[in-house]
Protein backbone atom coordinates (compact mmCIF):
# COMPACT_ATOMS: atom_id res chain seq x y z
CA MET A 1 -67.34 -142.09 -15.01
CA ASN A 2 -66.66 -144.42 -12.08
CA LYS A 3 -65.16 -143.01 -8.87
CA SER A 4 -61.68 -144.30 -9.76
CA GLY A 5 -61.59 -142.40 -13.07
CA LEU A 6 -60.80 -145.62 -14.92
CA ARG A 7 -61.87 -145.90 -18.55
CA CYS A 8 -60.20 -149.17 -19.58
CA ALA A 9 -59.11 -152.49 -18.07
CA LEU A 10 -56.36 -154.77 -19.37
CA LEU A 11 -56.83 -158.36 -18.20
CA ASP A 12 -54.36 -161.21 -18.55
CA LEU A 13 -55.52 -164.47 -20.13
CA GLY A 14 -53.72 -167.33 -18.37
CA ASN A 15 -54.74 -167.91 -14.76
CA VAL A 16 -56.96 -164.84 -14.79
CA LEU A 17 -59.58 -165.72 -17.41
CA VAL A 18 -58.74 -169.40 -17.88
CA ARG A 19 -56.78 -171.85 -15.75
CA ILE A 20 -53.55 -173.30 -17.09
CA ASP A 21 -52.00 -176.65 -16.17
CA LEU A 22 -48.66 -176.99 -17.94
CA SER A 23 -48.19 -180.55 -16.68
CA ARG A 24 -50.90 -181.67 -19.12
CA LEU A 25 -48.66 -180.74 -22.04
CA GLY A 26 -45.77 -182.77 -20.64
CA GLY A 27 -48.03 -185.75 -20.11
CA CYS A 28 -49.43 -185.59 -23.63
CA VAL A 29 -46.02 -185.29 -25.26
CA GLN A 30 -44.60 -188.11 -23.15
CA SER A 31 -47.46 -190.41 -24.16
CA LEU A 32 -46.86 -189.58 -27.84
CA THR A 33 -43.06 -189.60 -27.94
CA GLY A 34 -41.69 -191.08 -24.72
CA ILE A 35 -39.90 -187.79 -23.99
CA PRO A 36 -40.08 -187.13 -20.21
CA PRO A 37 -41.58 -183.79 -19.05
CA GLU A 38 -38.31 -182.48 -17.61
CA GLN A 39 -36.56 -182.97 -20.95
CA LEU A 40 -39.43 -181.23 -22.72
CA ARG A 41 -39.19 -178.25 -20.36
CA ALA A 42 -35.49 -177.94 -21.08
CA THR A 43 -36.25 -178.05 -24.81
CA PHE A 44 -38.69 -175.16 -24.53
CA THR A 45 -36.43 -172.95 -22.42
CA ALA A 46 -33.16 -173.54 -24.33
CA ASP A 47 -32.23 -170.65 -26.62
CA ASN A 48 -35.46 -168.85 -25.64
CA LEU A 49 -37.55 -171.05 -27.93
CA VAL A 50 -40.96 -170.22 -26.44
CA TYR A 51 -40.02 -166.56 -26.04
CA ARG A 52 -39.14 -166.35 -29.74
CA TYR A 53 -42.45 -168.00 -30.62
CA GLU A 54 -44.56 -165.80 -28.35
CA SER A 55 -42.81 -162.62 -29.52
CA GLY A 56 -43.67 -163.43 -33.13
CA ARG A 57 -40.14 -164.30 -34.21
CA LEU A 58 -41.18 -167.85 -35.12
CA SER A 59 -44.32 -168.93 -36.97
CA ASP A 60 -46.48 -171.86 -35.85
CA VAL A 61 -44.89 -174.08 -38.47
CA GLU A 62 -41.34 -173.00 -37.57
CA PHE A 63 -41.97 -173.57 -33.86
CA HIS A 64 -43.37 -177.05 -34.49
CA ALA A 65 -40.45 -177.96 -36.78
CA GLU A 66 -37.87 -176.73 -34.29
CA LEU A 67 -39.52 -178.63 -31.44
CA CYS A 68 -39.50 -181.85 -33.47
CA ARG A 69 -35.85 -181.30 -34.37
CA ARG A 70 -34.87 -180.75 -30.76
CA ILE A 71 -36.64 -183.80 -29.37
CA GLY A 72 -35.58 -185.99 -32.29
CA ARG A 73 -39.14 -187.15 -32.96
CA LYS A 74 -41.62 -186.41 -35.73
CA LEU A 75 -44.73 -185.27 -33.90
CA PRO A 76 -47.66 -185.06 -36.35
CA TRP A 77 -49.12 -181.57 -36.62
CA ASP A 78 -52.62 -182.47 -35.36
CA GLN A 79 -51.21 -184.32 -32.35
CA PHE A 80 -48.85 -181.45 -31.60
CA VAL A 81 -51.67 -178.88 -31.71
CA ALA A 82 -53.89 -180.99 -29.43
CA ALA A 83 -51.05 -181.46 -26.92
CA TRP A 84 -50.06 -177.79 -27.09
CA ASN A 85 -53.63 -176.67 -26.32
CA SER A 86 -54.23 -179.29 -23.64
CA ILE A 87 -52.96 -176.93 -20.93
CA PHE A 88 -56.26 -175.03 -20.75
CA LEU A 89 -58.88 -176.24 -18.28
CA GLN A 90 -62.46 -176.21 -19.44
CA GLU A 91 -64.08 -174.07 -16.75
CA PRO A 92 -63.29 -170.32 -16.96
CA ILE A 93 -62.11 -168.58 -13.79
CA LEU A 94 -64.30 -165.48 -14.09
CA SER A 95 -68.01 -165.87 -14.64
CA ASP A 96 -69.71 -164.57 -17.75
CA GLU A 97 -72.03 -162.55 -15.53
CA LEU A 98 -69.15 -160.74 -13.82
CA LEU A 99 -67.45 -159.92 -17.11
CA ALA A 100 -70.72 -158.62 -18.53
CA LEU A 101 -71.18 -156.33 -15.53
CA LEU A 102 -67.66 -155.02 -15.84
CA ALA A 103 -67.89 -154.55 -19.62
CA ALA A 104 -70.99 -152.41 -19.12
CA ARG A 105 -68.95 -149.96 -17.03
CA ILE A 106 -65.53 -149.92 -18.68
CA ASP A 107 -63.80 -150.98 -21.90
CA LEU A 108 -62.22 -154.42 -21.51
CA TRP A 109 -59.06 -155.52 -23.33
CA ILE A 110 -57.05 -158.72 -23.10
CA ILE A 111 -53.26 -158.37 -22.77
CA SER A 112 -51.37 -161.64 -22.97
CA ASN A 113 -48.04 -163.32 -23.52
CA THR A 114 -49.30 -165.89 -26.00
CA ASN A 115 -48.97 -167.41 -29.44
CA PRO A 116 -51.35 -167.87 -32.40
CA LEU A 117 -52.26 -171.49 -31.63
CA HIS A 118 -53.16 -170.76 -28.03
CA PHE A 119 -55.04 -167.55 -28.75
CA HIS A 120 -57.10 -168.99 -31.60
CA TYR A 121 -57.98 -172.02 -29.46
CA LEU A 122 -59.13 -169.81 -26.58
CA ARG A 123 -61.13 -167.53 -28.85
CA ASP A 124 -62.88 -170.52 -30.42
CA HIS A 125 -63.58 -172.53 -27.24
CA TYR A 126 -64.47 -169.93 -24.61
CA ALA A 127 -67.22 -167.30 -24.57
CA PHE A 128 -65.39 -164.60 -22.62
CA SER A 129 -63.83 -162.94 -25.67
CA ARG A 130 -67.21 -161.41 -26.61
CA HIS A 131 -66.93 -159.04 -23.65
CA PHE A 132 -63.61 -157.58 -24.82
CA LYS A 133 -63.17 -154.63 -27.12
CA GLY A 134 -59.79 -155.84 -28.37
CA PHE A 135 -56.58 -157.72 -27.71
CA VAL A 136 -52.93 -156.85 -27.11
CA LEU A 137 -51.04 -160.06 -27.90
CA SER A 138 -47.31 -160.55 -27.52
CA TYR A 139 -46.85 -162.38 -30.81
CA GLU A 140 -48.54 -159.50 -32.66
CA VAL A 141 -46.73 -156.61 -30.97
CA GLY A 142 -43.28 -158.25 -30.67
CA ALA A 143 -42.91 -157.82 -26.90
CA LEU A 144 -43.83 -159.78 -23.78
CA LYS A 145 -44.84 -158.63 -20.30
CA PRO A 146 -43.13 -157.21 -18.30
CA GLU A 147 -41.32 -155.48 -21.18
CA PRO A 148 -42.36 -151.81 -21.59
CA GLY A 149 -43.06 -152.31 -25.30
CA ILE A 150 -46.22 -154.36 -24.81
CA PHE A 151 -47.63 -151.75 -22.42
CA ALA A 152 -46.84 -148.98 -24.91
CA ARG A 153 -48.72 -150.84 -27.62
CA ALA A 154 -51.64 -151.33 -25.23
CA VAL A 155 -51.90 -147.58 -24.74
CA GLU A 156 -51.75 -147.06 -28.52
CA ARG A 157 -54.51 -149.58 -29.16
CA THR A 158 -56.88 -148.56 -26.37
CA GLY A 159 -56.30 -144.83 -26.76
CA VAL A 160 -56.46 -144.52 -22.97
CA GLU A 161 -53.61 -143.12 -20.87
CA PRO A 162 -52.07 -145.40 -18.19
CA VAL A 163 -53.45 -143.46 -15.24
CA ARG A 164 -56.99 -144.24 -16.45
CA THR A 165 -56.21 -147.87 -17.23
CA LEU A 166 -56.48 -150.82 -14.83
CA PHE A 167 -54.07 -153.72 -15.33
CA VAL A 168 -54.74 -157.15 -13.76
CA ASP A 169 -52.29 -160.06 -13.96
CA ASP A 170 -51.44 -163.11 -11.86
CA GLN A 171 -47.68 -162.42 -12.02
CA ALA A 172 -46.29 -159.93 -9.50
CA ALA A 173 -43.47 -158.84 -11.83
CA ASN A 174 -45.98 -157.82 -14.50
CA VAL A 175 -48.10 -155.90 -12.00
CA GLU A 176 -45.05 -154.04 -10.70
CA ALA A 177 -43.96 -153.18 -14.25
CA ALA A 178 -47.41 -151.77 -15.00
CA ARG A 179 -47.40 -149.65 -11.84
CA THR A 180 -43.96 -148.31 -12.70
CA LEU A 181 -45.37 -147.16 -16.05
CA GLY A 182 -48.26 -145.35 -14.37
CA PHE A 183 -51.07 -147.89 -14.66
CA GLN A 184 -53.44 -148.66 -11.82
CA ALA A 185 -52.82 -152.35 -11.18
CA PHE A 186 -53.38 -155.25 -8.82
CA GLN A 187 -52.34 -158.89 -8.77
CA PHE A 188 -55.05 -161.45 -9.48
CA ALA A 189 -55.68 -163.74 -6.50
CA GLY A 190 -58.91 -165.52 -7.40
CA SER A 191 -62.36 -164.50 -8.56
CA THR A 192 -63.64 -163.49 -5.11
CA ARG A 193 -60.75 -161.13 -4.47
CA PHE A 194 -61.02 -159.82 -8.03
CA ALA A 195 -64.66 -158.89 -7.50
CA ALA A 196 -63.79 -157.21 -4.19
CA GLU A 197 -61.09 -155.11 -5.88
CA LEU A 198 -63.51 -154.06 -8.61
CA HIS A 199 -66.12 -153.10 -6.00
CA SER A 200 -63.59 -150.98 -4.11
CA LEU A 201 -62.84 -149.13 -7.36
CA GLY A 202 -66.52 -148.55 -8.01
CA LEU A 203 -66.51 -150.67 -11.17
CA ILE A 204 -69.22 -153.04 -9.99
CA GLU A 205 -71.93 -152.76 -7.36
C-alpha cells in the first residue's frame, strides 16, 4: 500500500493521455464540403448532438447520418471517420515508462467522455491502453463527466471506494465533481506536474 492509501487511478483520455486539436476536424470537413468551421461547431452543439452521441443515445451510423443531414452534404463514411479522428495528435502526452511505473503500483483505469469511433481509434493507434485494467466510457455507461452517474459506474467497475481512488482530468469542473463525491483528485497540468503530484502521493519514486 502506498502512503496515500490509493488503490486505483482514473485517468482522462483527451489532453491527459493524448493531445486533442479540434481545429483539425473543422479544417478537414471544410476541405471536403466547403462548410466553414464555425458552422460545423454550431451543427455539433445544436440539440446536444455530440452529447447524445457520446452518451450512447446515437449509434455511429445515426450520428453520421444526422451530421450529413444538418450540413446538407453527403460526406462519405470513410472520409467522415478520417476527419472525425483527425483531432488526435500522434505523440502521447504521458510516456510509456511513466505509465508502466504507475501501473506497477496501482490499478489504472481510463474514464472518458468519448464515442465508439474515437475510442476504437485510440485503442488501435496508441500503446498506452495496455497499462490500463479497464475503461469507463461515457457512451457505454450513458453518462458524461461531470455527471455523478459516470463516477458511480466507475466505482462499480473498479470495485474501489472513492476515498481510495485518484481521479485526474484536465477540466476543473470534472475534478471538482470528483472531489465532491469523495475521490482524491487533481487537475492535469502537463506531464511534469503530473509526475510531481504522483511523487507527492508516493505512487512513484
